[in-house]
Amino acid sequence: MPAANGQIIGAPPGPVALPTGEGKSSVASPRWVHERTSPAFGGRNIKDCQREDALDLDKAAKRDHDAFEKAVAERDSDKAI
C-alpha cells in the first residue's frame, strides 16, 4: 500500500521484483536510484531513444536492467572499500 510519500508501507528497503505477467518482472527501486541509473529518465529519454524503445520493448528493458545492475554492482563495490 503506497504511503503519502510514494513508498510502499511494509516493503523491504531497496529494489523489489514485481510480477508483471507473461513470465516477466519489473523492479521497484527508490526514486533516487531510478533518477541516477535509468537511461530513459528525464532529459536522457530523447525522441530517438523513445522511437527505438517502442520498436523493441525487450531490448529497452534489457538495457535498463543492465544499467541498473551495473549501478548496483558499483554501489556494492564502493561499500566493500
N, C-alpha and C. Protein backbone atom coordinates (compact mmCIF):
# COMPACT_ATOMS: atom_id res chain seq x y z
N MET A 1 0.85 -1.18 0.00
CA MET A 1 0.00 0.00 0.00
C MET A 1 0.89 1.24 0.00
N PRO A 2 0.73 2.14 -1.00
CA PRO A 2 1.58 3.32 -1.05
C PRO A 2 1.27 4.31 0.08
N ALA A 3 2.30 4.88 0.64
CA ALA A 3 2.14 5.93 1.64
C ALA A 3 2.08 7.27 0.91
N ALA A 4 1.85 8.34 1.63
CA ALA A 4 1.75 9.66 1.03
C ALA A 4 3.04 10.04 0.29
N ASN A 5 4.17 9.54 0.74
CA ASN A 5 5.44 9.88 0.10
C ASN A 5 5.78 8.95 -1.07
N GLY A 6 4.87 8.05 -1.43
CA GLY A 6 5.07 7.16 -2.56
C GLY A 6 5.74 5.85 -2.23
N GLN A 7 6.23 5.69 -1.01
CA GLN A 7 6.86 4.43 -0.63
C GLN A 7 5.78 3.41 -0.27
N ILE A 8 6.10 2.15 -0.46
CA ILE A 8 5.16 1.09 -0.14
C ILE A 8 5.34 0.73 1.33
N ILE A 9 4.26 0.81 2.08
CA ILE A 9 4.30 0.51 3.51
C ILE A 9 4.54 -0.98 3.70
N GLY A 10 5.50 -1.31 4.54
CA GLY A 10 5.80 -2.72 4.82
C GLY A 10 6.74 -3.36 3.83
N ALA A 11 7.16 -2.62 2.80
CA ALA A 11 8.07 -3.18 1.81
C ALA A 11 9.50 -3.10 2.33
N PRO A 12 10.31 -4.07 1.98
CA PRO A 12 11.72 -4.01 2.40
C PRO A 12 12.42 -2.86 1.68
N PRO A 13 13.47 -2.30 2.27
CA PRO A 13 14.20 -1.23 1.59
C PRO A 13 14.93 -1.76 0.38
N GLY A 14 15.12 -0.92 -0.59
CA GLY A 14 15.86 -1.31 -1.79
C GLY A 14 14.95 -1.86 -2.87
N PRO A 15 15.55 -2.34 -3.96
CA PRO A 15 14.78 -2.83 -5.10
C PRO A 15 13.95 -4.06 -4.76
N VAL A 16 12.79 -4.15 -5.38
CA VAL A 16 11.89 -5.28 -5.17
C VAL A 16 11.39 -5.74 -6.53
N ALA A 17 11.50 -7.03 -6.84
CA ALA A 17 10.97 -7.57 -8.10
C ALA A 17 9.46 -7.71 -7.99
N LEU A 18 8.76 -7.22 -8.99
CA LEU A 18 7.31 -7.29 -9.02
C LEU A 18 6.85 -8.07 -10.24
N PRO A 19 5.89 -9.00 -10.09
CA PRO A 19 5.41 -9.75 -11.25
C PRO A 19 4.62 -8.84 -12.18
N THR A 20 4.78 -9.04 -13.50
CA THR A 20 4.04 -8.23 -14.47
C THR A 20 3.24 -9.10 -15.43
N GLY A 21 3.26 -10.40 -15.26
CA GLY A 21 2.57 -11.28 -16.19
C GLY A 21 3.49 -11.72 -17.30
N GLU A 22 3.05 -12.69 -18.07
CA GLU A 22 3.79 -13.22 -19.21
C GLU A 22 5.21 -13.64 -18.85
N GLY A 23 5.42 -14.07 -17.59
CA GLY A 23 6.71 -14.57 -17.18
C GLY A 23 7.78 -13.51 -17.03
N LYS A 24 7.40 -12.24 -17.00
CA LYS A 24 8.37 -11.16 -16.88
C LYS A 24 8.18 -10.46 -15.55
N SER A 25 9.15 -9.70 -15.13
CA SER A 25 9.01 -8.94 -13.89
C SER A 25 9.56 -7.54 -14.09
N SER A 26 9.21 -6.68 -13.16
CA SER A 26 9.76 -5.34 -13.17
C SER A 26 10.46 -5.12 -11.83
N VAL A 27 11.16 -4.03 -11.72
CA VAL A 27 11.87 -3.73 -10.49
C VAL A 27 11.38 -2.40 -9.94
N ALA A 28 11.02 -2.41 -8.68
CA ALA A 28 10.67 -1.16 -7.99
C ALA A 28 11.91 -0.72 -7.23
N SER A 29 12.38 0.47 -7.54
CA SER A 29 13.57 0.97 -6.87
C SER A 29 13.26 2.36 -6.31
N PRO A 30 14.02 2.78 -5.32
CA PRO A 30 13.82 4.12 -4.79
C PRO A 30 13.97 5.16 -5.91
N ARG A 31 13.24 6.26 -5.80
CA ARG A 31 13.25 7.28 -6.84
C ARG A 31 14.68 7.76 -7.16
N TRP A 32 15.49 7.97 -6.13
CA TRP A 32 16.84 8.49 -6.38
C TRP A 32 17.68 7.50 -7.18
N VAL A 33 17.44 6.20 -6.99
CA VAL A 33 18.17 5.19 -7.77
C VAL A 33 17.72 5.26 -9.22
N HIS A 34 16.41 5.36 -9.43
CA HIS A 34 15.87 5.44 -10.79
C HIS A 34 16.40 6.69 -11.50
N GLU A 35 16.39 7.82 -10.80
CA GLU A 35 16.86 9.07 -11.41
C GLU A 35 18.32 8.98 -11.84
N ARG A 36 19.14 8.30 -11.05
CA ARG A 36 20.57 8.24 -11.34
C ARG A 36 20.95 7.15 -12.32
N THR A 37 20.16 6.08 -12.42
CA THR A 37 20.59 4.93 -13.22
C THR A 37 19.81 4.71 -14.51
N SER A 38 18.59 5.20 -14.61
CA SER A 38 17.77 4.89 -15.78
C SER A 38 18.24 5.63 -17.03
N PRO A 39 18.54 4.89 -18.10
CA PRO A 39 18.92 5.53 -19.36
C PRO A 39 17.78 6.33 -19.97
N ALA A 40 16.55 6.10 -19.52
CA ALA A 40 15.39 6.77 -20.10
C ALA A 40 14.74 7.76 -19.13
N PHE A 41 15.48 8.22 -18.12
CA PHE A 41 14.90 9.17 -17.16
C PHE A 41 15.16 10.60 -17.60
N GLY A 42 14.13 11.42 -17.47
CA GLY A 42 14.27 12.86 -17.70
C GLY A 42 14.83 13.20 -19.07
N GLY A 43 15.84 14.03 -19.10
CA GLY A 43 16.43 14.50 -20.35
C GLY A 43 17.15 13.43 -21.14
N ARG A 44 17.39 12.27 -20.53
CA ARG A 44 18.07 11.18 -21.26
C ARG A 44 17.10 10.45 -22.19
N ASN A 45 15.80 10.67 -22.01
CA ASN A 45 14.80 9.97 -22.81
C ASN A 45 14.45 10.81 -24.04
N ILE A 46 15.39 10.89 -24.98
CA ILE A 46 15.20 11.71 -26.18
C ILE A 46 14.31 10.97 -27.18
N LYS A 47 13.80 11.70 -28.16
CA LYS A 47 12.86 11.14 -29.15
C LYS A 47 13.42 9.92 -29.86
N ASP A 48 14.69 9.96 -30.25
CA ASP A 48 15.29 8.81 -30.94
C ASP A 48 15.28 7.58 -30.04
N CYS A 49 15.58 7.78 -28.76
CA CYS A 49 15.56 6.68 -27.79
C CYS A 49 14.14 6.14 -27.63
N GLN A 50 13.16 7.03 -27.55
CA GLN A 50 11.77 6.60 -27.41
C GLN A 50 11.32 5.78 -28.61
N ARG A 51 11.71 6.24 -29.79
CA ARG A 51 11.33 5.55 -31.02
C ARG A 51 11.96 4.15 -31.05
N GLU A 52 13.23 4.07 -30.74
CA GLU A 52 13.94 2.79 -30.73
C GLU A 52 13.34 1.85 -29.68
N ASP A 53 13.05 2.38 -28.49
CA ASP A 53 12.46 1.57 -27.44
C ASP A 53 11.10 1.02 -27.85
N ALA A 54 10.31 1.84 -28.52
CA ALA A 54 8.97 1.42 -28.94
C ALA A 54 9.03 0.27 -29.95
N LEU A 55 10.09 0.23 -30.75
CA LEU A 55 10.25 -0.83 -31.75
C LEU A 55 10.67 -2.16 -31.14
N ASP A 56 11.34 -2.12 -29.99
CA ASP A 56 11.83 -3.34 -29.36
C ASP A 56 11.82 -3.18 -27.83
N LEU A 57 10.66 -3.46 -27.24
CA LEU A 57 10.50 -3.27 -25.79
C LEU A 57 11.40 -4.18 -24.98
N ASP A 58 11.64 -5.41 -25.46
CA ASP A 58 12.53 -6.33 -24.74
C ASP A 58 13.95 -5.78 -24.71
N LYS A 59 14.40 -5.22 -25.82
CA LYS A 59 15.75 -4.64 -25.88
C LYS A 59 15.85 -3.45 -24.91
N ALA A 60 14.80 -2.62 -24.87
CA ALA A 60 14.79 -1.47 -23.96
C ALA A 60 14.82 -1.93 -22.50
N ALA A 61 14.05 -2.96 -22.20
CA ALA A 61 14.02 -3.49 -20.83
C ALA A 61 15.38 -4.06 -20.44
N LYS A 62 16.02 -4.77 -21.38
CA LYS A 62 17.35 -5.33 -21.10
C LYS A 62 18.36 -4.21 -20.86
N ARG A 63 18.31 -3.16 -21.67
CA ARG A 63 19.23 -2.04 -21.50
C ARG A 63 19.05 -1.40 -20.11
N ASP A 64 17.79 -1.17 -19.73
CA ASP A 64 17.52 -0.58 -18.43
C ASP A 64 17.95 -1.50 -17.30
N HIS A 65 17.70 -2.80 -17.47
CA HIS A 65 18.10 -3.78 -16.45
C HIS A 65 19.61 -3.81 -16.30
N ASP A 66 20.32 -3.82 -17.43
CA ASP A 66 21.79 -3.85 -17.39
C ASP A 66 22.34 -2.60 -16.71
N ALA A 67 21.75 -1.44 -16.99
CA ALA A 67 22.20 -0.20 -16.35
C ALA A 67 21.96 -0.24 -14.85
N PHE A 68 20.83 -0.79 -14.45
CA PHE A 68 20.50 -0.91 -13.03
C PHE A 68 21.49 -1.87 -12.34
N GLU A 69 21.73 -3.01 -12.96
CA GLU A 69 22.65 -3.99 -12.37
C GLU A 69 24.07 -3.41 -12.25
N LYS A 70 24.50 -2.65 -13.25
CA LYS A 70 25.82 -2.02 -13.19
C LYS A 70 25.88 -1.03 -12.02
N ALA A 71 24.83 -0.24 -11.85
CA ALA A 71 24.81 0.74 -10.76
C ALA A 71 24.82 0.04 -9.40
N VAL A 72 24.10 -1.06 -9.28
CA VAL A 72 24.09 -1.82 -8.02
C VAL A 72 25.47 -2.39 -7.74
N ALA A 73 26.11 -2.95 -8.77
CA ALA A 73 27.45 -3.53 -8.60
C ALA A 73 28.45 -2.45 -8.19
N GLU A 74 28.36 -1.28 -8.82
CA GLU A 74 29.27 -0.18 -8.47
C GLU A 74 29.03 0.29 -7.04
N ARG A 75 27.76 0.37 -6.65
CA ARG A 75 27.44 0.77 -5.28
C ARG A 75 27.98 -0.25 -4.29
N ASP A 76 27.80 -1.53 -4.59
CA ASP A 76 28.26 -2.59 -3.70
C ASP A 76 29.79 -2.60 -3.60
N SER A 77 30.48 -2.34 -4.71
CA SER A 77 31.94 -2.33 -4.68
C SER A 77 32.44 -1.11 -3.88
N ASP A 78 31.72 -0.02 -3.93
CA ASP A 78 32.09 1.16 -3.12
C ASP A 78 31.96 0.86 -1.63
N LYS A 79 30.95 0.06 -1.27
CA LYS A 79 30.74 -0.27 0.15
C LYS A 79 31.80 -1.23 0.66
N ALA A 80 32.39 -2.01 -0.24
CA ALA A 80 33.37 -3.01 0.16
C ALA A 80 34.72 -2.37 0.53
N ILE A 81 34.91 -1.16 0.12
CA ILE A 81 36.20 -0.48 0.36
C ILE A 81 36.26 0.03 1.79
